[in-house]
């Protein structure tokens, strides 16, 4: 980030369950890093997964974040210059990016059956990361005539063998090799929903996010997203700015060493609040106070 550039951070929860201690850690760190740099904090509602997203979870995450003492300047509840801040309302931006990637030859349609490929619109993690794709549809001769994303999946054509390197502000130098650590990955689903990797890049670019704070389980996603950034920068002025810096937090795990997920209801912020745990105690359990 240049010396004259305003720091812009973001919180990006998904309303698919109650926020837990892991979210408390990540979002508290994101908010503190923003405040220390006199920046602006954006709340983005990542509700692309229509099958799992619920209005009650959205209301709960707003309330729980406020209860933790986290405030933001822009978001679906307060507006801002880059509205809308809910991904379900931003389809036109994702479609424009899809069109640019297609014209640039960076993506291709995938006709593989549903059982052969993951379908989630939510962020992956270290337990359900997208497996290497065998490139079955990469060189189909009929791909060039398809001009509508609907009805099939679309994959990003990775530069096989290329190294993607970046320095994480928490975990230091990172190195991934395309084709070894990950393959051609989904950027659009056959039900006409953009995949997580594309939506996040588009939103971070258009909302002018300068630093992304999130869990360490998304390190490999960062490598994928850097490739999308670079591809879009070649075909669109909107993506020609500097790629955000990244800060990946250590994960909060349960007593058995398993990464927390939204199924851990007993460790949700809402459950802890309802059983009398104070804000300071929740932050201490999250490892940030």
Protein backbone atom coordinates (compact mmCIF):
# COMPACT_ATOMS: atom_id res chain seq x y z
CA UNK A 1 0.00 0.00 0.00
CA UNK A 2 1.43 3.35 -0.97
CA UNK A 3 2.04 6.03 1.64
CA UNK A 4 -0.82 8.16 0.34
CA UNK A 5 -3.32 5.34 -0.05
CA UNK A 6 -6.19 4.89 2.40
CA UNK A 7 -6.23 1.53 4.12
CA UNK A 8 -9.42 -0.36 3.34
CA UNK A 9 -10.08 -3.59 5.18
CA UNK A 10 -13.07 -5.89 5.11
CA UNK A 11 -15.10 -8.38 7.09
CA UNK A 12 -16.67 -11.03 4.84
CA UNK A 13 -18.90 -13.42 6.78
CA UNK A 14 -21.35 -15.83 5.16
CA UNK A 15 -24.85 -16.07 6.68
CA UNK A 16 -24.88 -19.88 6.57
CA UNK A 17 -24.69 -20.42 10.32
CA UNK A 18 -23.80 -18.70 13.57
CA UNK A 19 -20.40 -17.05 13.90
CA UNK A 20 -17.99 -18.92 16.20
CA UNK A 21 -14.75 -18.20 18.05
CA UNK A 22 -12.70 -18.54 14.88
CA UNK A 23 -14.71 -15.77 13.28
CA UNK A 24 -14.31 -13.69 16.42
CA UNK A 25 -10.53 -13.98 16.14
CA UNK A 26 -10.33 -13.18 12.45
CA UNK A 27 -12.79 -10.31 12.47
CA UNK A 28 -11.35 -8.77 15.63
CA UNK A 29 -7.85 -8.83 14.11
CA UNK A 30 -9.19 -7.36 10.86
CA UNK A 31 -10.92 -4.54 12.74
CA UNK A 32 -7.86 -3.81 14.90
CA UNK A 33 -5.49 -3.71 11.93
CA UNK A 34 -7.85 -1.29 10.22
CA UNK A 35 -8.14 0.97 13.26
CA UNK A 36 -4.37 1.01 13.80
CA UNK A 37 -3.97 2.30 10.24
CA UNK A 38 -6.80 4.84 10.49
CA UNK A 39 -8.58 3.03 7.68
CA UNK A 40 -12.11 2.23 6.62
CA UNK A 41 -13.68 -1.13 7.37
CA UNK A 42 -16.19 -2.74 5.00
CA UNK A 43 -18.71 -5.43 5.95
CA UNK A 44 -19.57 -7.65 3.00
CA UNK A 45 -22.40 -10.16 3.23
CA UNK A 46 -21.15 -13.21 1.29
CA UNK A 47 -24.55 -14.78 0.71
CA UNK A 48 -24.05 -16.43 -2.69
CA UNK A 49 -24.91 -19.85 -1.28
CA UNK A 50 -28.68 -19.46 -1.53
CA UNK A 51 -29.38 -22.98 -0.27
CA UNK A 52 -27.65 -22.35 3.07
CA UNK A 53 -27.87 -18.58 3.58
CA UNK A 54 -30.58 -17.48 5.99
CA UNK A 55 -31.89 -14.05 6.95
CA UNK A 56 -31.76 -14.98 10.63
CA UNK A 57 -28.06 -15.79 10.35
CA UNK A 58 -27.45 -12.43 8.68
CA UNK A 59 -29.21 -10.61 11.52
CA UNK A 60 -27.29 -12.67 14.08
CA UNK A 61 -23.90 -11.94 12.54
CA UNK A 62 -24.58 -8.19 12.51
CA UNK A 63 -25.67 -8.30 16.14
CA UNK A 64 -22.80 -10.55 17.29
CA UNK A 65 -20.15 -8.44 15.57
CA UNK A 66 -21.54 -5.26 17.13
CA UNK A 67 -21.66 -7.01 20.51
CA UNK A 68 -17.96 -7.84 20.15
CA UNK A 69 -17.27 -4.13 19.74
CA UNK A 70 -16.54 -4.25 16.00
CA UNK A 71 -17.81 -1.35 13.91
CA UNK A 72 -17.62 -0.70 10.18
CA UNK A 73 -18.10 2.31 7.94
CA UNK A 74 -19.65 0.54 4.93
CA UNK A 75 -21.94 -2.44 4.69
CA UNK A 76 -25.40 -3.79 3.83
CA UNK A 77 -26.83 -2.29 7.01
CA UNK A 78 -25.38 1.21 6.55
CA UNK A 79 -24.65 1.64 2.84
CA UNK A 80 -21.59 3.21 1.29
CA UNK A 81 -20.04 4.28 -2.03
CA UNK A 82 -19.58 0.72 -3.32
CA UNK A 83 -23.05 -0.65 -2.61
CA UNK A 84 -24.62 -3.14 -2.78
CA UNK A 85 -22.64 -4.97 -0.09
CA UNK A 86 -24.49 -8.30 -0.33
CA UNK A 87 -23.08 -10.64 -2.95
CA UNK A 88 -26.54 -11.88 -3.94
CA UNK A 89 -27.20 -8.36 -5.31
CA UNK A 90 -23.95 -8.08 -7.30
CA UNK A 91 -24.52 -10.56 -10.13
CA UNK A 92 -23.97 -7.96 -12.86
CA UNK A 93 -20.42 -7.29 -11.65
CA UNK A 94 -19.53 -10.97 -11.62
CA UNK A 95 -21.05 -11.50 -15.06
CA UNK A 96 -18.99 -8.61 -16.47
CA UNK A 97 -15.83 -10.21 -15.08
CA UNK A 98 -16.85 -13.59 -16.53
CA UNK A 99 -17.28 -11.99 -19.95
CA UNK A 100 -13.84 -10.41 -19.78
CA UNK A 101 -12.19 -13.64 -18.72
CA UNK A 102 -13.94 -15.52 -21.50
CA UNK A 103 -12.87 -12.99 -24.15
CA UNK A 104 -9.31 -13.27 -22.87
CA UNK A 105 -9.35 -17.07 -23.14
CA UNK A 106 -8.77 -17.51 -19.39
CA UNK A 107 -11.79 -19.73 -18.73
CA UNK A 108 -13.60 -22.62 -20.39
CA UNK A 109 -16.89 -24.50 -19.93
CA UNK A 110 -16.85 -27.76 -17.99
CA UNK A 111 -19.39 -30.45 -18.82
CA UNK A 112 -18.31 -32.99 -16.20
CA UNK A 113 -21.09 -34.53 -14.12
CA UNK A 114 -22.05 -33.10 -10.76
CA UNK A 115 -20.49 -35.96 -8.83
CA UNK A 116 -17.13 -35.24 -10.48
CA UNK A 117 -16.81 -31.68 -9.24
CA UNK A 118 -17.42 -29.57 -6.12
CA UNK A 119 -20.29 -27.08 -6.27
CA UNK A 120 -20.05 -24.85 -3.22
CA UNK A 121 -20.30 -21.08 -3.61
CA UNK A 122 -18.80 -20.67 -0.15
CA UNK A 123 -15.14 -20.37 0.74
CA UNK A 124 -13.20 -23.65 0.76
CA UNK A 125 -11.01 -24.73 3.67
CA UNK A 126 -8.23 -27.19 4.42
CA UNK A 127 -10.72 -30.07 4.74
CA UNK A 128 -12.84 -29.56 1.58
CA UNK A 129 -10.48 -27.86 -0.83
CA UNK A 130 -11.23 -28.37 -4.51
CA UNK A 131 -9.34 -31.44 -5.80
CA UNK A 132 -7.06 -31.37 -8.84
CA UNK A 133 -9.16 -31.34 -11.99
CA UNK A 134 -7.98 -33.76 -14.71
CA UNK A 135 -8.54 -31.14 -17.44
CA UNK A 136 -11.15 -33.30 -19.15
CA UNK A 137 -12.90 -30.33 -20.79
CA UNK A 138 -9.94 -27.99 -21.17
CA UNK A 139 -9.50 -28.34 -24.95
CA UNK A 140 -13.01 -29.11 -26.21
CA UNK A 141 -13.36 -27.73 -29.76
CA UNK A 142 -16.91 -26.47 -29.15
CA UNK A 143 -15.96 -24.27 -26.18
CA UNK A 144 -15.36 -21.16 -28.28
CA UNK A 145 -18.96 -20.94 -29.50
CA UNK A 146 -20.50 -20.90 -26.01
CA UNK A 147 -21.24 -17.34 -24.93
CA UNK A 148 -23.57 -17.81 -21.95
CA UNK A 149 -22.40 -19.04 -18.54
CA UNK A 150 -25.72 -20.67 -17.67
CA UNK A 151 -26.24 -24.39 -17.75
CA UNK A 152 -22.64 -25.48 -17.23
CA UNK A 153 -19.70 -24.92 -14.94
CA UNK A 154 -16.75 -22.74 -15.95
CA UNK A 155 -13.13 -23.26 -14.94
CA UNK A 156 -10.12 -21.00 -14.84
CA UNK A 157 -7.32 -22.15 -17.13
CA UNK A 158 -4.27 -22.15 -14.85
CA UNK A 159 -0.73 -21.66 -16.20
CA UNK A 160 0.53 -25.18 -15.51
CA UNK A 161 3.95 -25.24 -13.87
CA UNK A 162 4.00 -21.55 -12.97
CA UNK A 163 4.86 -20.57 -9.41
CA UNK A 164 2.58 -18.18 -7.53
CA UNK A 165 4.43 -16.45 -4.73
CA UNK A 166 3.42 -13.83 -2.21
CA UNK A 167 4.50 -12.73 1.24
CA UNK A 168 1.80 -13.13 3.83
CA UNK A 169 1.91 -10.41 6.50
CA UNK A 170 1.41 -13.01 9.24
CA UNK A 171 2.85 -16.28 7.91
CA UNK A 172 5.66 -15.02 5.68
CA UNK A 173 6.67 -16.15 2.16
CA UNK A 174 4.25 -18.48 0.37
CA UNK A 175 4.89 -20.60 -2.72
CA UNK A 176 2.37 -22.60 -4.78
CA UNK A 177 2.76 -24.28 -8.15
CA UNK A 178 -0.17 -24.27 -10.58
CA UNK A 179 -0.95 -27.80 -11.68
CA UNK A 180 0.66 -29.31 -8.61
CA UNK A 181 -0.94 -27.59 -5.64
CA UNK A 182 -4.20 -26.90 -7.46
CA UNK A 183 -5.68 -27.42 -10.89
CA UNK A 184 -8.15 -25.62 -13.16
CA UNK A 185 -10.66 -24.35 -10.62
CA UNK A 186 -14.32 -23.37 -10.71
CA UNK A 187 -15.23 -19.74 -11.22
CA UNK A 188 -18.90 -20.21 -12.24
CA UNK A 189 -21.49 -22.86 -11.37
CA UNK A 190 -24.01 -24.40 -13.74
CA UNK A 191 -26.90 -22.84 -11.75
CA UNK A 192 -25.63 -19.40 -12.88
CA UNK A 193 -23.93 -18.54 -9.58
CA UNK A 194 -20.34 -17.26 -9.51
CA UNK A 195 -17.98 -19.35 -7.42
CA UNK A 196 -16.23 -18.00 -4.35
CA UNK A 197 -12.87 -17.41 -6.02
CA UNK A 198 -14.25 -15.09 -8.71
CA UNK A 199 -16.76 -13.23 -6.53
CA UNK A 200 -14.15 -12.38 -3.89
CA UNK A 201 -11.68 -10.99 -6.42
CA UNK A 202 -14.34 -8.88 -8.13
CA UNK A 203 -15.63 -7.48 -4.84
CA UNK A 204 -12.19 -6.78 -3.36
CA UNK A 205 -11.21 -4.94 -6.54
CA UNK A 206 -14.36 -2.88 -6.97
CA UNK A 207 -14.56 -2.07 -3.25
CA UNK A 208 -10.88 -1.04 -3.37
CA UNK A 209 -9.82 -3.34 -0.53
CA UNK A 210 -6.13 -2.88 0.26
CA UNK A 211 -5.67 -5.68 2.81
CA UNK A 212 -7.47 -9.00 3.24
CA UNK A 213 -7.47 -10.58 6.70
CA UNK A 214 -8.78 -14.15 6.86
CA UNK A 215 -8.03 -17.66 8.12
CA UNK A 216 -4.91 -19.63 7.23
CA UNK A 217 -7.05 -22.30 5.57
CA UNK A 218 -7.47 -19.90 2.63
CA UNK A 219 -3.78 -19.56 1.74
CA UNK A 220 -4.18 -21.70 -1.38
CA UNK A 221 -7.24 -19.68 -2.37
CA UNK A 222 -5.04 -16.60 -2.33
CA UNK A 223 -2.80 -18.16 -4.99
CA UNK A 224 -5.85 -18.85 -7.16
CA UNK A 225 -7.20 -15.36 -6.63
CA UNK A 226 -3.89 -13.75 -7.58
CA UNK A 227 -4.14 -15.56 -10.94
CA UNK A 228 -7.66 -14.18 -11.45
CA UNK A 229 -6.47 -10.68 -10.53
CA UNK A 230 -3.64 -10.90 -13.04
CA UNK A 231 -5.91 -12.20 -15.79
CA UNK A 232 -8.50 -9.47 -15.24
CA UNK A 233 -5.81 -6.80 -15.06
CA UNK A 234 -4.85 -7.71 -18.63
CA UNK A 235 -8.36 -7.09 -19.93
CA UNK A 236 -9.91 -4.48 -17.61
CA UNK A 237 -8.73 -1.17 -16.20
CA UNK A 238 -10.83 -1.76 -13.07
CA UNK A 239 -8.43 -4.53 -12.01
CA UNK A 240 -5.19 -2.80 -12.94
CA UNK A 241 -4.53 -1.51 -9.43
CA UNK A 242 -2.38 -3.16 -6.82
CA UNK A 243 -3.46 -6.59 -5.56
CA UNK A 244 -4.35 -6.42 -1.84
CA UNK A 245 -1.92 -7.45 0.86
CA UNK A 246 -2.86 -10.62 2.73
CA UNK A 247 -2.81 -11.48 6.42
CA UNK A 248 -3.84 -15.04 7.24
CA UNK A 249 -4.73 -15.68 10.88
CA UNK A 250 -3.96 -18.85 12.79
CA UNK A 251 -7.07 -21.01 13.07
CA UNK A 252 -9.01 -21.61 16.26
CA UNK A 253 -9.43 -25.34 16.92
CA UNK A 254 -11.51 -27.36 19.35
CA UNK A 255 -10.19 -29.59 22.12
CA UNK A 256 -9.48 -32.38 19.62
CA UNK A 257 -7.47 -30.06 17.39
CA UNK A 258 -10.19 -29.83 14.72
CA UNK A 259 -10.69 -26.53 12.94
CA UNK A 260 -13.85 -24.79 14.16
CA UNK A 261 -16.81 -24.80 11.80
CA UNK A 262 -20.35 -23.46 12.06
CA UNK A 263 -21.52 -26.87 13.24
CA UNK A 264 -19.70 -26.19 16.55
CA UNK A 265 -22.78 -24.56 18.08
CA UNK A 266 -21.42 -24.72 21.62
CA UNK A 267 -18.55 -22.44 20.56
CA UNK A 268 -20.70 -20.00 18.64
CA UNK A 269 -20.65 -16.39 19.79
CA UNK A 270 -24.43 -16.48 20.15
CA UNK A 271 -24.41 -19.55 22.42
CA UNK A 272 -21.61 -18.13 24.55
CA UNK A 273 -23.51 -14.86 24.93
CA UNK A 274 -26.69 -16.65 25.92
CA UNK A 275 -24.88 -18.68 28.57
CA UNK A 276 -23.49 -15.58 30.23
CA UNK A 277 -20.00 -15.36 28.74
CA UNK A 278 -18.82 -11.75 28.64
CA UNK A 279 -17.36 -10.01 25.61
CA UNK A 280 -13.91 -9.98 27.18
CA UNK A 281 -14.13 -13.71 27.91
CA UNK A 282 -15.17 -14.47 24.32
CA UNK A 283 -12.23 -12.47 22.98
CA UNK A 284 -9.90 -14.24 25.41
CA UNK A 285 -11.21 -17.63 24.26
CA UNK A 286 -10.62 -16.48 20.68
CA UNK A 287 -7.03 -15.70 21.59
CA UNK A 288 -7.04 -11.97 20.91
CA UNK A 289 -7.13 -10.58 24.46
